């Protein structure tokens, strides 16, 4: 996957698809076929921020959307992971 010119898009999609689950850099690195250190380095190089910061932003965004639709706060938090 890392040889793909779409590494950042692939990484973003991977994280988005797994928002409701526990996501570890170690598991993601195995799935991408690289070391966790290399994964973190590539993510920061291509996106300009750390992977955990990006993931936190995704979770915040995911928790806000249900609130806008009128869902309870607890429900939104559980859905966002």
PDB file of N, CA and C in Angstrom:
ATOM      1  N   UNK A   1       0.803  -1.210   0.000  1.00  0.00           N
ATOM      2  CA  UNK A   1       0.000   0.000   0.000  1.00  0.00           C
ATOM      3  C   UNK A   1       0.843   1.270   0.000  1.00  0.00           C
ATOM      4  N   UNK A   2       2.010   1.235   0.608  1.00  0.00           N
ATOM      5  CA  UNK A   2       2.798   2.461   0.721  1.00  0.00           C
ATOM      6  C   UNK A   2       3.363   2.918  -0.614  1.00  0.00           C
ATOM      7  N   UNK A   3       3.448   2.026  -1.574  1.00  0.00           N
ATOM      8  CA  UNK A   3       3.962   2.417  -2.881  1.00  0.00           C
ATOM      9  C   UNK A   3       2.898   3.152  -3.690  1.00  0.00           C
ATOM     10  N   UNK A   4       1.692   3.104  -3.212  1.00  0.00           N
ATOM     11  CA  UNK A   4       0.596   3.759  -3.899  1.00  0.00           C
ATOM     12  C   UNK A   4       0.761   5.272  -3.845  1.00  0.00           C
ATOM     13  N   UNK A   5       0.499   5.942  -4.977  1.00  0.00           N
ATOM     14  CA  UNK A   5       0.540   7.408  -4.943  1.00  0.00           C
ATOM     15  C   UNK A   5      -0.594   7.976  -4.089  1.00  0.00           C
ATOM     16  N   UNK A   6      -1.525   7.120  -3.720  1.00  0.00           N
ATOM     17  CA  UNK A   6      -2.671   7.536  -2.912  1.00  0.00           C
ATOM     18  C   UNK A   6      -2.511   7.138  -1.456  1.00  0.00           C
ATOM     19  N   UNK A   7      -1.274   7.061  -0.955  1.00  0.00           N
ATOM     20  CA  UNK A   7      -1.047   6.615   0.425  1.00  0.00           C
ATOM     21  C   UNK A   7      -1.916   7.378   1.412  1.00  0.00           C
ATOM     22  N   UNK A   8      -1.911   8.691   1.317  1.00  0.00           N
ATOM     23  CA  UNK A   8      -2.652   9.495   2.283  1.00  0.00           C
ATOM     24  C   UNK A   8      -4.147   9.217   2.178  1.00  0.00           C
ATOM     25  N   UNK A   9      -4.654   9.125   0.979  1.00  0.00           N
ATOM     26  CA  UNK A   9      -6.077   8.809   0.793  1.00  0.00           C
ATOM     27  C   UNK A   9      -6.390   7.421   1.359  1.00  0.00           C
ATOM     28  N   UNK A  10      -5.517   6.449   1.111  1.00  0.00           N
ATOM     29  CA  UNK A  10      -5.712   5.099   1.641  1.00  0.00           C
ATOM     30  C   UNK A  10      -5.691   5.103   3.165  1.00  0.00           C
ATOM     31  N   UNK A  11      -4.753   5.851   3.750  1.00  0.00           N
ATOM     32  CA  UNK A  11      -4.648   5.919   5.206  1.00  0.00           C
ATOM     33  C   UNK A  11      -5.881   6.595   5.810  1.00  0.00           C
ATOM     34  N   UNK A  12      -6.317   7.684   5.205  1.00  0.00           N
ATOM     35  CA  UNK A  12      -7.513   8.383   5.698  1.00  0.00           C
ATOM     36  C   UNK A  12      -8.730   7.472   5.628  1.00  0.00           C
ATOM     37  N   UNK A  13      -8.885   6.756   4.517  1.00  0.00           N
ATOM     38  CA  UNK A  13     -10.030   5.859   4.357  1.00  0.00           C
ATOM     39  C   UNK A  13      -9.979   4.728   5.380  1.00  0.00           C
ATOM     40  N   UNK A  14      -8.795   4.190   5.617  1.00  0.00           N
ATOM     41  CA  UNK A  14      -8.609   3.125   6.603  1.00  0.00           C
ATOM     42  C   UNK A  14      -9.094   3.596   7.966  1.00  0.00           C
ATOM     43  N   UNK A  15      -8.672   4.784   8.370  1.00  0.00           N
ATOM     44  CA  UNK A  15      -9.057   5.311   9.673  1.00  0.00           C
ATOM     45  C   UNK A  15     -10.554   5.601   9.731  1.00  0.00           C
ATOM     46  N   UNK A  16     -11.083   6.197   8.693  1.00  0.00           N
ATOM     47  CA  UNK A  16     -12.511   6.524   8.655  1.00  0.00           C
ATOM     48  C   UNK A  16     -13.371   5.257   8.738  1.00  0.00           C
ATOM     49  N   UNK A  17     -12.964   4.218   8.016  1.00  0.00           N
ATOM     50  CA  UNK A  17     -13.728   2.967   7.997  1.00  0.00           C
ATOM     51  C   UNK A  17     -13.744   2.276   9.354  1.00  0.00           C
ATOM     52  N   UNK A  18     -12.792   2.592  10.211  1.00  0.00           N
ATOM     53  CA  UNK A  18     -12.665   1.917  11.500  1.00  0.00           C
ATOM     54  C   UNK A  18     -12.942   2.831  12.693  1.00  0.00           C
ATOM     55  N   UNK A  19     -13.611   3.932  12.462  1.00  0.00           N
ATOM     56  CA  UNK A  19     -13.851   4.905  13.525  1.00  0.00           C
ATOM     57  C   UNK A  19     -14.514   4.323  14.761  1.00  0.00           C
ATOM     58  N   UNK A  20     -15.451   3.432  14.597  1.00  0.00           N
ATOM     59  CA  UNK A  20     -16.176   2.871  15.734  1.00  0.00           C
ATOM     60  C   UNK A  20     -15.437   1.756  16.447  1.00  0.00           C
ATOM     61  N   UNK A  21     -14.200   1.478  16.036  1.00  0.00           N
ATOM     62  CA  UNK A  21     -13.414   0.400  16.636  1.00  0.00           C
ATOM     63  C   UNK A  21     -12.146   0.974  17.257  1.00  0.00           C
ATOM     64  N   UNK A  22     -11.453   0.137  17.997  1.00  0.00           N
ATOM     65  CA  UNK A  22     -10.160   0.552  18.543  1.00  0.00           C
ATOM     66  C   UNK A  22      -9.135   0.473  17.419  1.00  0.00           C
ATOM     67  N   UNK A  23      -8.462   1.568  17.161  1.00  0.00           N
ATOM     68  CA  UNK A  23      -7.498   1.638  16.065  1.00  0.00           C
ATOM     69  C   UNK A  23      -6.105   1.771  16.658  1.00  0.00           C
ATOM     70  N   UNK A  24      -5.206   0.881  16.247  1.00  0.00           N
ATOM     71  CA  UNK A  24      -3.818   0.991  16.710  1.00  0.00           C
ATOM     72  C   UNK A  24      -2.898   1.181  15.514  1.00  0.00           C
ATOM     73  N   UNK A  25      -1.871   1.959  15.736  1.00  0.00           N
ATOM     74  CA  UNK A  25      -0.877   2.178  14.682  1.00  0.00           C
ATOM     75  C   UNK A  25      -0.189   0.860  14.335  1.00  0.00           C
ATOM     76  N   UNK A  26      -0.001  -0.001  15.336  1.00  0.00           N
ATOM     77  CA  UNK A  26       0.654  -1.284  15.090  1.00  0.00           C
ATOM     78  C   UNK A  26      -0.176  -2.142  14.134  1.00  0.00           C
ATOM     79  N   UNK A  27      -1.491  -2.219  14.365  1.00  0.00           N
ATOM     80  CA  UNK A  27      -2.366  -3.011  13.490  1.00  0.00           C
ATOM     81  C   UNK A  27      -2.432  -2.401  12.096  1.00  0.00           C
ATOM     82  N   UNK A  28      -2.536  -1.083  12.039  1.00  0.00           N
ATOM     83  CA  UNK A  28      -2.599  -0.401  10.756  1.00  0.00           C
ATOM     84  C   UNK A  28      -1.305  -0.636   9.976  1.00  0.00           C
ATOM     85  N   UNK A  29      -0.177  -0.583  10.665  1.00  0.00           N
ATOM     86  CA  UNK A  29       1.113  -0.797  10.014  1.00  0.00           C
ATOM     87  C   UNK A  29       1.193  -2.203   9.425  1.00  0.00           C
ATOM     88  N   UNK A  30       0.718  -3.195  10.171  1.00  0.00           N
ATOM     89  CA  UNK A  30       0.695  -4.563   9.651  1.00  0.00           C
ATOM     90  C   UNK A  30      -0.165  -4.620   8.391  1.00  0.00           C
ATOM     91  N   UNK A  31      -1.335  -4.002   8.432  1.00  0.00           N
ATOM     92  CA  UNK A  31      -2.231  -4.008   7.279  1.00  0.00           C
ATOM     93  C   UNK A  31      -1.629  -3.289   6.073  1.00  0.00           C
ATOM     94  N   UNK A  32      -0.777  -2.295   6.327  1.00  0.00           N
ATOM     95  CA  UNK A  32      -0.129  -1.559   5.243  1.00  0.00           C
ATOM     96  C   UNK A  32       1.211  -2.189   4.843  1.00  0.00           C
ATOM     97  N   UNK A  33       1.665  -3.167   5.631  1.00  0.00           N
ATOM     98  CA  UNK A  33       2.903  -3.863   5.307  1.00  0.00           C
ATOM     99  C   UNK A  33       4.166  -3.077   5.605  1.00  0.00           C
ATOM    100  N   UNK A  34       4.107  -2.201   6.608  1.00  0.00           N
ATOM    101  CA  UNK A  34       5.277  -1.406   6.994  1.00  0.00           C
ATOM    102  C   UNK A  34       5.371  -1.359   8.518  1.00  0.00           C
ATOM    103  N   UNK A  35       6.461  -0.803   9.029  1.00  0.00           N
ATOM    104  CA  UNK A  35       6.616  -0.689  10.475  1.00  0.00           C
ATOM    105  C   UNK A  35       5.762   0.469  11.003  1.00  0.00           C
ATOM    106  N   UNK A  36       5.368   0.403  12.284  1.00  0.00           N
ATOM    107  CA  UNK A  36       4.601   1.501  12.865  1.00  0.00           C
ATOM    108  C   UNK A  36       5.330   2.843  12.773  1.00  0.00           C
ATOM    109  N   UNK A  37       6.644   2.824  12.956  1.00  0.00           N
ATOM    110  CA  UNK A  37       7.420   4.060  12.870  1.00  0.00           C
ATOM    111  C   UNK A  37       7.354   4.638  11.453  1.00  0.00           C
ATOM    112  N   UNK A  38       7.520   3.786  10.466  1.00  0.00           N
ATOM    113  CA  UNK A  38       7.479   4.245   9.070  1.00  0.00           C
ATOM    114  C   UNK A  38       6.078   4.761   8.720  1.00  0.00           C
ATOM    115  N   UNK A  39       5.055   4.071   9.206  1.00  0.00           N
ATOM    116  CA  UNK A  39       3.685   4.514   8.974  1.00  0.00           C
ATOM    117  C   UNK A  39       3.471   5.915   9.549  1.00  0.00           C
ATOM    118  N   UNK A  40       3.881   6.124  10.787  1.00  0.00           N
ATOM    119  CA  UNK A  40       3.731   7.437  11.421  1.00  0.00           C
ATOM    120  C   UNK A  40       4.497   8.508  10.657  1.00  0.00           C
ATOM    121  N   UNK A  41       5.700   8.158  10.237  1.00  0.00           N
ATOM    122  CA  UNK A  41       6.523   9.100   9.477  1.00  0.00           C
ATOM    123  C   UNK A  41       5.849   9.475   8.150  1.00  0.00           C
ATOM    124  N   UNK A  42       5.381   8.475   7.408  1.00  0.00           N
ATOM    125  CA  UNK A  42       4.723   8.746   6.126  1.00  0.00           C
ATOM    126  C   UNK A  42       3.448   9.562   6.311  1.00  0.00           C
ATOM    127  N   UNK A  43       2.687   9.236   7.343  1.00  0.00           N
ATOM    128  CA  UNK A  43       1.435   9.950   7.571  1.00  0.00           C
ATOM    129  C   UNK A  43       1.716  11.428   7.832  1.00  0.00           C
ATOM    130  N   UNK A  44       2.675  11.690   8.713  1.00  0.00           N
ATOM    131  CA  UNK A  44       3.013  13.082   9.035  1.00  0.00           C
ATOM    132  C   UNK A  44       3.613  13.791   7.819  1.00  0.00           C
ATOM    133  N   UNK A  45       4.435  13.097   7.074  1.00  0.00           N
ATOM    134  CA  UNK A  45       5.063  13.673   5.887  1.00  0.00           C
ATOM    135  C   UNK A  45       4.016  14.090   4.853  1.00  0.00           C
ATOM    136  N   UNK A  46       3.033  13.223   4.632  1.00  0.00           N
ATOM    137  CA  UNK A  46       2.029  13.473   3.600  1.00  0.00           C
ATOM    138  C   UNK A  46       0.880  14.367   4.059  1.00  0.00           C
ATOM    139  N   UNK A  47       0.578  14.359   5.369  1.00  0.00           N
ATOM    140  CA  UNK A  47      -0.580  15.126   5.838  1.00  0.00           C
ATOM    141  C   UNK A  47      -0.206  16.382   6.622  1.00  0.00           C
ATOM    142  N   UNK A  48       0.995  16.399   7.173  1.00  0.00           N
ATOM    143  CA  UNK A  48       1.412  17.558   7.953  1.00  0.00           C
ATOM    144  C   UNK A  48       1.026  17.497   9.424  1.00  0.00           C
ATOM    145  N   UNK A  49       0.293  16.448   9.820  1.00  0.00           N
ATOM    146  CA  UNK A  49      -0.070  16.272  11.234  1.00  0.00           C
ATOM    147  C   UNK A  49       0.128  14.816  11.625  1.00  0.00           C
ATOM    148  N   UNK A  50       0.195  14.580  12.924  1.00  0.00           N
ATOM    149  CA  UNK A  50       0.348  13.221  13.425  1.00  0.00           C
ATOM    150  C   UNK A  50      -0.946  12.439  13.207  1.00  0.00           C
ATOM    151  N   UNK A  51      -0.802  11.147  13.045  1.00  0.00           N
ATOM    152  CA  UNK A  51      -1.962  10.296  12.801  1.00  0.00           C
ATOM    153  C   UNK A  51      -2.962  10.377  13.956  1.00  0.00           C
ATOM    154  N   UNK A  52      -2.492  10.420  15.189  1.00  0.00           N
ATOM    155  CA  UNK A  52      -3.420  10.475  16.327  1.00  0.00           C
ATOM    156  C   UNK A  52      -4.187  11.793  16.348  1.00  0.00           C
ATOM    157  N   UNK A  53      -3.557  12.876  15.895  1.00  0.00           N
ATOM    158  CA  UNK A  53      -4.267  14.158  15.806  1.00  0.00           C
ATOM    159  C   UNK A  53      -5.354  14.098  14.744  1.00  0.00           C
ATOM    160  N   UNK A  54      -5.037  13.492  13.614  1.00  0.00           N
ATOM    161  CA  UNK A  54      -6.021  13.344  12.545  1.00  0.00           C
ATOM    162  C   UNK A  54      -7.189  12.484  13.025  1.00  0.00           C
ATOM    163  N   UNK A  55      -6.872  11.386  13.704  1.00  0.00           N
ATOM    164  CA  UNK A  55      -7.905  10.491  14.204  1.00  0.00           C
ATOM    165  C   UNK A  55      -8.791  11.190  15.236  1.00  0.00           C
ATOM    166  N   UNK A  56      -8.199  11.989  16.103  1.00  0.00           N
ATOM    167  CA  UNK A  56      -8.986  12.748  17.086  1.00  0.00           C
ATOM    168  C   UNK A  56      -9.947  13.697  16.374  1.00  0.00           C
ATOM    169  N   UNK A  57      -9.476  14.357  15.334  1.00  0.00           N
ATOM    170  CA  UNK A  57     -10.335  15.244  14.560  1.00  0.00           C
ATOM    171  C   UNK A  57     -11.482  14.504  13.891  1.00  0.00           C
ATOM    172  N   UNK A  58     -11.187  13.316  13.358  1.00  0.00           N
ATOM    173  CA  UNK A  58     -12.236  12.500  12.748  1.00  0.00           C
ATOM    174  C   UNK A  58     -13.297  12.120  13.775  1.00  0.00           C
ATOM    175  N   UNK A  59     -12.847  11.752  14.967  1.00  0.00           N
ATOM    176  CA  UNK A  59     -13.792  11.348  16.013  1.00  0.00           C
ATOM    177  C   UNK A  59     -14.648  12.524  16.465  1.00  0.00           C
ATOM    178  N   UNK A  60     -14.050  13.684  16.563  1.00  0.00           N
ATOM    179  CA  UNK A  60     -14.825  14.878  16.942  1.00  0.00           C
ATOM    180  C   UNK A  60     -15.873  15.171  15.870  1.00  0.00           C
ATOM    181  N   UNK A  61     -15.449  15.130  14.623  1.00  0.00           N
ATOM    182  CA  UNK A  61     -16.381  15.373  13.525  1.00  0.00           C
ATOM    183  C   UNK A  61     -17.508  14.345  13.518  1.00  0.00           C
ATOM    184  N   UNK A  62     -17.141  13.082  13.716  1.00  0.00           N
ATOM    185  CA  UNK A  62     -18.144  12.016  13.717  1.00  0.00           C
ATOM    186  C   UNK A  62     -19.120  12.160  14.873  1.00  0.00           C
ATOM    187  N   UNK A  63     -18.663  12.708  15.995  1.00  0.00           N
ATOM    188  CA  UNK A  63     -19.563  12.872  17.139  1.00  0.00           C
ATOM    189  C   UNK A  63     -20.480  14.085  16.973  1.00  0.00           C
ATOM    190  N   UNK A  64     -20.083  15.051  16.168  1.00  0.00           N
ATOM    191  CA  UNK A  64     -20.918  16.242  15.967  1.00  0.00           C
ATOM    192  C   UNK A  64     -22.080  15.999  15.003  1.00  0.00           C
ATOM    193  N   UNK A  65     -21.867  15.192  13.996  1.00  0.00           N
ATOM    194  CA  UNK A  65     -22.903  14.977  12.983  1.00  0.00           C
ATOM    195  C   UNK A  65     -24.205  14.422  13.570  1.00  0.00           C
ATOM    196  N   UNK A  66     -24.164  13.403  14.426  1.00  0.00           N
ATOM    197  CA  UNK A  66     -25.420  12.930  15.018  1.00  0.00           C
ATOM    198  C   UNK A  66     -26.090  13.982  15.914  1.00  0.00           C
ATOM    199  N   UNK A  67     -25.289  14.801  16.574  1.00  0.00           N
ATOM    200  CA  UNK A  67     -25.863  15.850  17.420  1.00  0.00           C
ATOM    201  C   UNK A  67     -26.642  16.853  16.578  1.00  0.00           C
ATOM    202  N   UNK A  68     -26.107  17.155  15.422  1.00  0.00           N
ATOM    203  CA  UNK A  68     -26.798  18.070  14.509  1.00  0.00           C
ATOM    204  C   UNK A  68     -28.136  17.478  14.087  1.00  0.00           C
ATOM    205  N   UNK A  69     -28.161  16.150  13.959  1.00  0.00           N
ATOM    206  CA  UNK A  69     -29.399  15.462  13.576  1.00  0.00           C
ATOM    207  C   UNK A  69     -30.337  15.228  14.760  1.00  0.00           C
ATOM    208  N   UNK A  70     -29.958  15.715  15.948  1.00  0.00           N
ATOM    209  CA  UNK A  70     -30.832  15.611  17.116  1.00  0.00           C
ATOM    210  C   UNK A  70     -30.666  14.356  17.950  1.00  0.00           C
ATOM    211  N   UNK A  71     -29.630  13.580  17.706  1.00  0.00           N
ATOM    212  CA  UNK A  71     -29.385  12.368  18.502  1.00  0.00           C
ATOM    213  C   UNK A  71     -28.855  12.750  19.889  1.00  0.00           C
ATOM    214  N   UNK A  72     -29.076  11.884  20.894  1.00  0.00           N
ATOM    215  CA  UNK A  72     -28.547  12.146  22.239  1.00  0.00           C
ATOM    216  C   UNK A  72     -27.009  12.154  22.259  1.00  0.00           C
ATOM    217  N   UNK A  73     -26.434  12.895  23.170  1.00  0.00           N
ATOM    218  CA  UNK A  73     -24.978  13.008  23.294  1.00  0.00           C
ATOM    219  C   UNK A  73     -24.348  11.646  23.515  1.00  0.00           C
ATOM    220  N   UNK A  74     -24.900  10.840  24.389  1.00  0.00           N
ATOM    221  CA  UNK A  74     -24.336   9.511  24.671  1.00  0.00           C
ATOM    222  C   UNK A  74     -24.279   8.675  23.398  1.00  0.00           C
ATOM    223  N   UNK A  75     -25.331   8.695  22.609  1.00  0.00           N
ATOM    224  CA  UNK A  75     -25.378   7.937  21.364  1.00  0.00           C
ATOM    225  C   UNK A  75     -24.275   8.419  20.428  1.00  0.00           C
ATOM    226  N   UNK A  76     -24.121   9.707  20.309  1.00  0.00           N
ATOM    227  CA  UNK A  76     -23.109  10.283  19.412  1.00  0.00           C
ATOM    228  C   UNK A  76     -21.702   9.884  19.854  1.00  0.00           C
ATOM    229  N   UNK A  77     -21.449   9.903  21.159  1.00  0.00           N
ATOM    230  CA  UNK A  77     -20.130   9.523  21.673  1.00  0.00           C
ATOM    231  C   UNK A  77     -19.829   8.058  21.387  1.00  0.00           C
ATOM    232  N   UNK A  78     -20.805   7.196  21.597  1.00  0.00           N
ATOM    233  CA  UNK A  78     -20.590   5.772  21.351  1.00  0.00           C
ATOM    234  C   UNK A  78     -20.342   5.505  19.869  1.00  0.00           C
ATOM    235  N   UNK A  79     -21.049   6.183  19.018  1.00  0.00           N
ATOM    236  CA  UNK A  79     -20.868   5.984  17.580  1.00  0.00           C
ATOM    237  C   UNK A  79     -19.506   6.462  17.098  1.00  0.00           C
ATOM    238  N   UNK A  80     -18.996   7.498  17.718  1.00  0.00           N
ATOM    239  CA  UNK A  80     -17.716   8.076  17.293  1.00  0.00           C
ATOM    240  C   UNK A  80     -16.515   7.286  17.786  1.00  0.00           C
ATOM    241  N   UNK A  81     -16.728   6.403  18.745  1.00  0.00           N
ATOM    242  CA  UNK A  81     -15.621   5.595  19.271  1.00  0.00           C
ATOM    243  C   UNK A  81     -14.868   6.360  20.318  1.00  0.00           C
TER     244      UNK A  81
END
